[in-house]
């Protein structure tokens, strides 16, 4: 008897960006910078970090199973009821709960091909049929996705902005798309990079679309620098949240993660500094890429994806940059082997990257 379902056997292991420790171990290089995983280059939120340290003497206690304090804080911040809020171990943790809660045996899913790997892993692991719709000009093709909707469609996933391209669905595009979506279909709007994107023209902040079938997902990983502690949150109609709360892993997120989230929401100075650092870095990198005639995808996140003439060229550049102490992400795992994604760093890191790239070119 087969213990493992065939759709699980066919999955590939998730391959994250190379860590600094891994690179040091493999290459023996000590002076390394990592511009591969869209992390906050300023480190964690100071207020969040202080809350984590303060929680240490309570780590023998189980965390609040319903996450009252953090959910209450989020509800006040975004002007919704606490019953409209869920928290989890990153946005992927909530995505996993959504899958387990709402998918029936014959249900189908729709999303863009070569978008966020986290959703791809969860969707394929569900064993359900998934319609992976090719992107168009490195953007979600909502018209083509709408054409895939059937009586079996249950979940549609949209990362806005997208990772790894940094492109986004506009307000007008989403409004048009939504008109084709039946009320019985859940739309997941993954806004992991919301804070970086929210001021872009015609960006559809999903909190303006409080429809009964729209689930918003956001995270503390990026702008608040808490990726290592795994804390994310979501907004939806209270009936959806009520059922998600029945299925979510008990005592998730951890005691320290919940404390960090509560504190980080008050860290306005760190939030401002993060956005300023990112804006400055994005301008610098875009200008340098233009001067080097490097093709890039316009991004409203905290990274820029560059396009090269072949997978071999992208691989060669990534390896040579690594030997110079700069970790970037060739997007083979995402299905874009001729592309390299560069996360925005602090000024010194961005300059080291550009200097190294110029040496190689």
Protein backbone atom coordinates (compact mmCIF):
# COMPACT_ATOMS: atom_id res chain seq x y z
CA UNK A 1 0.00 0.00 0.00
CA UNK A 2 1.36 3.41 -0.96
CA UNK A 3 1.76 5.61 2.11
CA UNK A 4 2.52 8.79 0.20
CA UNK A 5 0.00 10.19 -2.34
CA UNK A 6 1.36 10.54 -5.87
CA UNK A 7 0.85 14.30 -5.89
CA UNK A 8 3.12 14.58 -2.84
CA UNK A 9 5.78 12.33 -4.35
CA UNK A 10 5.88 14.56 -7.42
CA UNK A 11 6.58 17.71 -5.42
CA UNK A 12 10.03 19.26 -5.38
CA UNK A 13 11.55 20.36 -2.10
CA UNK A 14 11.33 24.10 -1.57
CA UNK A 15 14.69 25.69 -2.36
CA UNK A 16 15.16 28.96 -0.48
CA UNK A 17 17.74 31.58 -1.32
CA UNK A 18 21.25 30.75 -0.14
CA UNK A 19 21.83 31.85 3.45
CA UNK A 20 24.93 33.72 4.60
CA UNK A 21 25.96 30.77 6.80
CA UNK A 22 25.59 28.37 3.88
CA UNK A 23 27.65 30.58 1.58
CA UNK A 24 30.38 31.00 4.20
CA UNK A 25 30.46 27.25 4.75
CA UNK A 26 30.70 26.45 1.03
CA UNK A 27 33.08 29.20 -0.10
CA UNK A 28 34.99 30.20 3.01
CA UNK A 29 34.11 33.86 2.38
CA UNK A 30 33.58 35.93 5.50
CA UNK A 31 32.64 39.32 4.02
CA UNK A 32 29.22 38.52 2.59
CA UNK A 33 26.07 40.52 1.92
CA UNK A 34 22.71 38.93 1.18
CA UNK A 35 20.43 40.55 -1.38
CA UNK A 36 18.47 37.41 -2.20
CA UNK A 37 15.41 37.00 0.02
CA UNK A 38 13.68 40.41 0.20
CA UNK A 39 14.54 40.77 3.87
CA UNK A 40 14.66 44.08 5.72
CA UNK A 41 18.30 45.24 5.50
CA UNK A 42 17.91 47.36 8.65
CA UNK A 43 17.26 44.31 10.80
CA UNK A 44 14.22 43.72 13.02
CA UNK A 45 11.96 46.42 14.39
CA UNK A 46 13.66 47.67 17.60
CA UNK A 47 10.35 47.72 19.45
CA UNK A 48 9.54 44.26 18.18
CA UNK A 49 12.96 43.00 19.24
CA UNK A 50 12.57 44.52 22.70
CA UNK A 51 9.21 42.77 23.08
CA UNK A 52 10.77 39.45 22.09
CA UNK A 53 13.48 39.85 24.74
CA UNK A 54 10.89 40.83 27.32
CA UNK A 55 8.93 37.66 26.54
CA UNK A 56 11.84 35.32 27.32
CA UNK A 57 10.85 34.68 30.92
CA UNK A 58 7.37 33.62 29.77
CA UNK A 59 8.46 31.08 27.17
CA UNK A 60 7.51 28.19 29.44
CA UNK A 61 3.88 29.28 28.94
CA UNK A 62 1.74 28.46 25.93
CA UNK A 63 0.85 31.48 23.80
CA UNK A 64 -2.65 32.89 23.63
CA UNK A 65 -4.47 30.44 21.36
CA UNK A 66 -6.78 33.12 19.96
CA UNK A 67 -4.13 35.85 19.73
CA UNK A 68 -6.38 38.38 21.45
CA UNK A 69 -3.93 41.25 21.93
CA UNK A 70 -2.47 41.20 18.42
CA UNK A 71 -5.83 40.69 16.73
CA UNK A 72 -7.29 43.54 18.76
CA UNK A 73 -4.36 45.80 17.84
CA UNK A 74 -4.70 44.96 14.15
CA UNK A 75 -8.46 45.51 14.22
CA UNK A 76 -7.96 48.97 15.70
CA UNK A 77 -5.20 49.84 13.25
CA UNK A 78 -7.21 48.85 10.18
CA UNK A 79 -10.68 49.79 11.44
CA UNK A 80 -12.28 46.35 11.42
CA UNK A 81 -13.68 44.08 14.13
CA UNK A 82 -11.40 41.66 15.93
CA UNK A 83 -13.58 38.91 14.48
CA UNK A 84 -12.36 39.95 11.02
CA UNK A 85 -8.72 39.24 11.90
CA UNK A 86 -6.62 36.07 11.94
CA UNK A 87 -2.92 35.66 12.70
CA UNK A 88 -0.55 32.86 11.76
CA UNK A 89 3.03 31.74 11.24
CA UNK A 90 3.62 34.09 8.32
CA UNK A 91 1.13 34.52 5.49
CA UNK A 92 2.00 30.99 4.32
CA UNK A 93 0.73 29.61 7.63
CA UNK A 94 -2.63 31.27 7.03
CA UNK A 95 -2.67 30.08 3.40
CA UNK A 96 -2.23 26.52 4.63
CA UNK A 97 -5.15 26.97 7.00
CA UNK A 98 -7.29 28.35 4.17
CA UNK A 99 -6.57 25.24 2.08
CA UNK A 100 -7.47 22.87 4.90
CA UNK A 101 -10.61 24.79 5.79
CA UNK A 102 -12.32 25.41 2.48
CA UNK A 103 -11.19 22.90 -0.16
CA UNK A 104 -13.45 19.97 -1.01
CA UNK A 105 -12.34 16.96 -3.02
CA UNK A 106 -13.45 18.27 -6.44
CA UNK A 107 -12.49 21.91 -5.92
CA UNK A 108 -10.03 23.68 -8.20
CA UNK A 109 -7.64 26.58 -7.78
CA UNK A 110 -6.41 29.31 -10.13
CA UNK A 111 -3.29 31.46 -10.00
CA UNK A 112 -0.50 32.82 -12.15
CA UNK A 113 2.27 30.54 -13.28
CA UNK A 114 5.74 31.37 -11.94
CA UNK A 115 4.48 33.60 -9.13
CA UNK A 116 5.02 33.12 -5.37
CA UNK A 117 6.54 29.71 -4.62
CA UNK A 118 4.89 29.45 -1.20
CA UNK A 119 1.43 29.28 -2.74
CA UNK A 120 2.59 26.93 -5.48
CA UNK A 121 3.85 24.43 -2.90
CA UNK A 122 0.62 24.56 -0.87
CA UNK A 123 -1.62 24.37 -3.95
CA UNK A 124 0.20 21.38 -5.43
CA UNK A 125 0.33 19.67 -2.04
CA UNK A 126 -3.45 19.97 -1.75
CA UNK A 127 -3.89 17.34 -4.45
CA UNK A 128 -6.52 19.47 -6.20
CA UNK A 129 -6.44 20.58 -9.81
CA UNK A 130 -4.66 23.90 -10.23
CA UNK A 131 -4.92 26.10 -13.30
CA UNK A 132 -1.54 27.83 -13.61
CA UNK A 133 -2.10 30.74 -15.99
CA UNK A 134 0.99 32.14 -17.77
CA UNK A 135 1.94 35.70 -16.95
CA UNK A 136 1.76 38.38 -19.61
CA UNK A 137 4.61 40.87 -19.73
CA UNK A 138 5.70 39.67 -16.27
CA UNK A 139 2.25 40.55 -14.85
CA UNK A 140 -0.82 38.59 -13.77
CA UNK A 141 -3.08 38.04 -16.79
CA UNK A 142 -6.42 38.50 -15.04
CA UNK A 143 -8.42 38.16 -18.24
CA UNK A 144 -6.93 34.73 -18.90
CA UNK A 145 -7.46 33.77 -15.25
CA UNK A 146 -11.13 34.78 -15.44
CA UNK A 147 -11.54 32.49 -18.43
CA UNK A 148 -10.39 29.54 -16.29
CA UNK A 149 -13.21 29.94 -13.75
CA UNK A 150 -15.56 26.95 -13.73
CA UNK A 151 -18.24 25.50 -11.48
CA UNK A 152 -15.42 23.76 -9.62
CA UNK A 153 -13.32 26.84 -8.89
CA UNK A 154 -12.95 27.47 -5.14
CA UNK A 155 -9.80 29.57 -4.62
CA UNK A 156 -8.08 32.23 -6.73
CA UNK A 157 -4.70 33.48 -5.52
CA UNK A 158 -3.26 36.88 -6.47
CA UNK A 159 0.02 38.19 -5.05
CA UNK A 160 -0.17 41.96 -5.28
CA UNK A 161 2.52 43.07 -5.80
CA UNK A 162 3.87 39.87 -7.22
CA UNK A 163 6.94 38.08 -5.98
CA UNK A 164 9.33 37.65 -7.79
CA UNK A 165 8.49 40.34 -10.38
CA UNK A 166 7.31 43.26 -8.24
CA UNK A 167 4.56 44.07 -10.74
CA UNK A 168 1.01 44.71 -9.61
CA UNK A 169 -2.62 44.41 -10.54
CA UNK A 170 -4.21 47.86 -10.78
CA UNK A 171 -7.46 48.96 -9.19
CA UNK A 172 -9.23 49.09 -12.54
CA UNK A 173 -7.95 45.64 -13.50
CA UNK A 174 -9.08 44.12 -10.23
CA UNK A 175 -12.53 45.72 -10.48
CA UNK A 176 -12.97 44.28 -13.96
CA UNK A 177 -11.73 40.86 -12.84
CA UNK A 178 -13.95 40.76 -9.77
CA UNK A 179 -17.05 41.22 -11.91
CA UNK A 180 -16.40 37.74 -13.35
CA UNK A 181 -15.85 35.97 -10.01
CA UNK A 182 -18.83 34.14 -8.45
CA UNK A 183 -19.54 34.87 -4.78
CA UNK A 184 -18.79 31.23 -3.90
CA UNK A 185 -15.15 31.64 -5.01
CA UNK A 186 -12.56 32.80 -2.47
CA UNK A 187 -10.02 35.36 -3.66
CA UNK A 188 -6.78 35.45 -1.69
CA UNK A 189 -5.06 38.83 -2.08
CA UNK A 190 -1.53 38.35 -0.78
CA UNK A 191 -0.16 41.79 0.09
CA UNK A 192 3.14 40.85 1.69
CA UNK A 193 4.70 44.01 0.20
CA UNK A 194 1.72 46.26 0.88
CA UNK A 195 3.62 48.96 2.77
CA UNK A 196 6.07 49.41 -0.11
CA UNK A 197 3.30 49.43 -2.72
CA UNK A 198 0.42 51.32 -1.14
CA UNK A 199 1.33 54.76 -2.53
CA UNK A 200 1.68 53.57 -6.12
CA UNK A 201 -0.87 55.04 -8.56
CA UNK A 202 -4.04 52.95 -8.89
CA UNK A 203 -2.83 50.30 -6.41
CA UNK A 204 -5.91 48.43 -5.08
CA UNK A 205 -5.49 48.29 -1.31
CA UNK A 206 -7.59 45.20 -0.58
CA UNK A 207 -8.95 46.74 2.61
CA UNK A 208 -11.09 48.83 0.26
CA UNK A 209 -12.60 45.58 -1.05
CA UNK A 210 -14.24 44.13 2.00
CA UNK A 211 -16.25 41.66 0.01
CA UNK A 212 -17.44 38.49 1.71
CA UNK A 213 -15.24 36.33 -0.55
CA UNK A 214 -11.97 38.31 -0.36
CA UNK A 215 -9.24 37.31 2.10
CA UNK A 216 -6.38 39.77 2.62
CA UNK A 217 -2.99 38.42 3.74
CA UNK A 218 -0.13 40.56 5.06
CA UNK A 219 3.06 39.98 7.01
CA UNK A 220 5.48 41.38 9.57
CA UNK A 221 8.36 39.69 7.72
CA UNK A 222 9.23 42.46 5.29
CA UNK A 223 8.69 46.03 6.42
CA UNK A 224 8.98 45.19 10.14
CA UNK A 225 11.97 42.88 9.72
CA UNK A 226 10.49 39.92 11.62
CA UNK A 227 10.90 37.21 8.96
CA UNK A 228 12.80 34.91 11.31
CA UNK A 229 10.04 34.74 13.89
CA UNK A 230 7.22 33.95 11.42
CA UNK A 231 4.27 36.24 12.06
CA UNK A 232 1.58 37.19 9.55
CA UNK A 233 -2.05 38.25 9.59
CA UNK A 234 -5.19 38.28 7.50
CA UNK A 235 -8.54 40.03 7.17
CA UNK A 236 -11.82 38.53 5.99
CA UNK A 237 -15.55 38.31 6.69
CA UNK A 238 -16.11 37.10 10.24
CA UNK A 239 -17.80 33.88 9.05
CA UNK A 240 -14.61 32.97 7.14
CA UNK A 241 -12.39 33.90 10.07
CA UNK A 242 -14.57 31.91 12.47
CA UNK A 243 -14.09 28.76 10.41
CA UNK A 244 -10.38 29.40 9.91
CA UNK A 245 -9.97 29.69 13.69
CA UNK A 246 -11.44 26.20 14.05
CA UNK A 247 -8.81 24.71 11.76
CA UNK A 248 -5.64 26.74 12.45
CA UNK A 249 -2.82 25.08 14.36
CA UNK A 250 -3.40 25.58 18.11
CA UNK A 251 -1.04 28.03 19.86
CA UNK A 252 0.20 29.52 16.58
CA UNK A 253 1.97 31.97 16.32
CA UNK A 254 4.40 31.66 19.21
CA UNK A 255 4.35 33.73 22.41
CA UNK A 256 7.36 35.77 21.26
CA UNK A 257 5.96 36.30 17.76
CA UNK A 258 2.66 37.68 19.04
CA UNK A 259 4.46 40.02 21.43
CA UNK A 260 6.74 41.23 18.63
CA UNK A 261 3.79 41.90 16.34
CA UNK A 262 1.97 44.01 18.93
CA UNK A 263 5.07 46.11 19.59
CA UNK A 264 6.13 46.44 15.95
CA UNK A 265 2.82 48.03 15.00
CA UNK A 266 3.80 51.00 17.17
CA UNK A 267 7.29 51.27 15.68
CA UNK A 268 6.41 54.11 13.30
CA UNK A 269 9.94 55.53 13.20
CA UNK A 270 11.36 52.18 12.07
CA UNK A 271 8.61 51.83 9.48
CA UNK A 272 9.42 55.29 8.12
CA UNK A 273 13.15 54.57 8.02
CA UNK A 274 12.57 51.27 6.24
CA UNK A 275 10.46 52.90 3.52
CA UNK A 276 12.94 55.75 3.08
CA UNK A 277 15.86 53.31 2.82
CA UNK A 278 13.97 51.25 0.28
CA UNK A 279 12.95 54.23 -1.84
CA UNK A 280 16.53 55.52 -1.91
CA UNK A 281 17.91 52.09 -2.75
CA UNK A 282 15.36 51.42 -5.49
CA UNK A 283 16.17 54.73 -7.17
CA UNK A 284 19.90 54.04 -7.00
CA UNK A 285 19.65 50.49 -8.39
CA UNK A 286 17.25 51.46 -11.18
CA UNK A 287 19.53 54.32 -12.24
CA UNK A 288 22.60 52.08 -12.25
CA UNK A 289 20.82 49.34 -14.21
CA UNK A 290 19.71 51.89 -16.79
CA UNK A 291 23.25 53.19 -17.17
CA UNK A 292 24.47 49.63 -17.71
CA UNK A 293 21.61 48.91 -20.15
CA UNK A 294 20.40 46.03 -17.99
CA UNK A 295 16.79 45.03 -18.64
CA UNK A 296 14.67 45.14 -15.49
CA UNK A 297 11.05 44.60 -14.50
CA UNK A 298 9.41 47.73 -13.02
CA UNK A 299 8.88 46.94 -9.32
CA UNK A 300 6.91 48.54 -6.48
CA UNK A 301 8.24 46.18 -3.80
CA UNK A 302 11.65 45.98 -2.07
CA UNK A 303 13.44 44.14 -4.86
CA UNK A 304 14.15 44.42 -8.57
CA UNK A 305 14.23 41.53 -11.03
CA UNK A 306 16.70 41.78 -13.91
CA UNK A 307 16.40 39.91 -17.19
CA UNK A 308 19.37 38.35 -18.99
CA UNK A 309 19.75 36.77 -22.40
CA UNK A 310 19.94 33.17 -21.16
CA UNK A 311 19.82 30.90 -18.12
CA UNK A 312 23.56 30.31 -18.53
CA UNK A 313 24.30 34.03 -18.43
CA UNK A 314 22.17 34.54 -15.33
CA UNK A 315 23.78 31.55 -13.62
CA UNK A 316 27.28 32.74 -14.48
CA UNK A 317 26.60 36.22 -13.08
CA UNK A 318 25.05 34.83 -9.89
CA UNK A 319 28.02 32.56 -9.25
CA UNK A 320 30.57 35.30 -9.94
CA UNK A 321 28.72 37.71 -7.66
CA UNK A 322 28.69 35.05 -4.94
CA UNK A 323 32.47 34.68 -5.21
CA UNK A 324 32.69 38.44 -4.70
CA UNK A 325 30.62 38.13 -1.53
CA UNK A 326 27.21 39.15 -2.91
CA UNK A 327 24.28 36.73 -2.66
CA UNK A 328 21.48 37.32 -5.19
CA UNK A 329 18.65 35.05 -6.35
CA UNK A 330 18.60 33.45 -9.77
CA UNK A 331 14.93 32.62 -10.28
CA UNK A 332 15.19 29.02 -11.49
CA UNK A 333 12.84 27.76 -8.77
CA UNK A 334 10.22 30.33 -9.79
CA UNK A 335 10.38 29.30 -13.45
CA UNK A 336 12.33 32.36 -14.62
CA UNK A 337 15.82 30.87 -15.13
CA UNK A 338 17.06 33.84 -17.17
CA UNK A 339 16.21 36.29 -14.38
CA UNK A 340 18.05 37.46 -11.25
CA UNK A 341 16.19 39.11 -8.37
CA UNK A 342 18.08 41.63 -6.26
CA UNK A 343 16.72 42.71 -2.88
CA UNK A 344 17.28 46.34 -1.92
CA UNK A 345 19.93 46.66 0.79
CA UNK A 346 21.36 49.52 2.77
CA UNK A 347 23.45 52.03 0.83
CA UNK A 348 26.80 50.27 1.38
CA UNK A 349 25.35 46.91 0.29
CA UNK A 350 23.77 48.35 -2.84
CA UNK A 351 27.05 50.02 -3.80
CA UNK A 352 29.04 46.84 -3.19
CA UNK A 353 26.64 44.94 -5.42
CA UNK A 354 26.84 47.47 -8.25
CA UNK A 355 30.63 47.71 -7.98
CA UNK A 356 30.91 43.92 -8.12
CA UNK A 357 28.49 43.70 -11.04
CA UNK A 358 30.45 46.30 -13.00
CA UNK A 359 33.68 44.37 -12.38
CA UNK A 360 32.07 41.22 -13.77
CA UNK A 361 30.49 42.90 -16.78
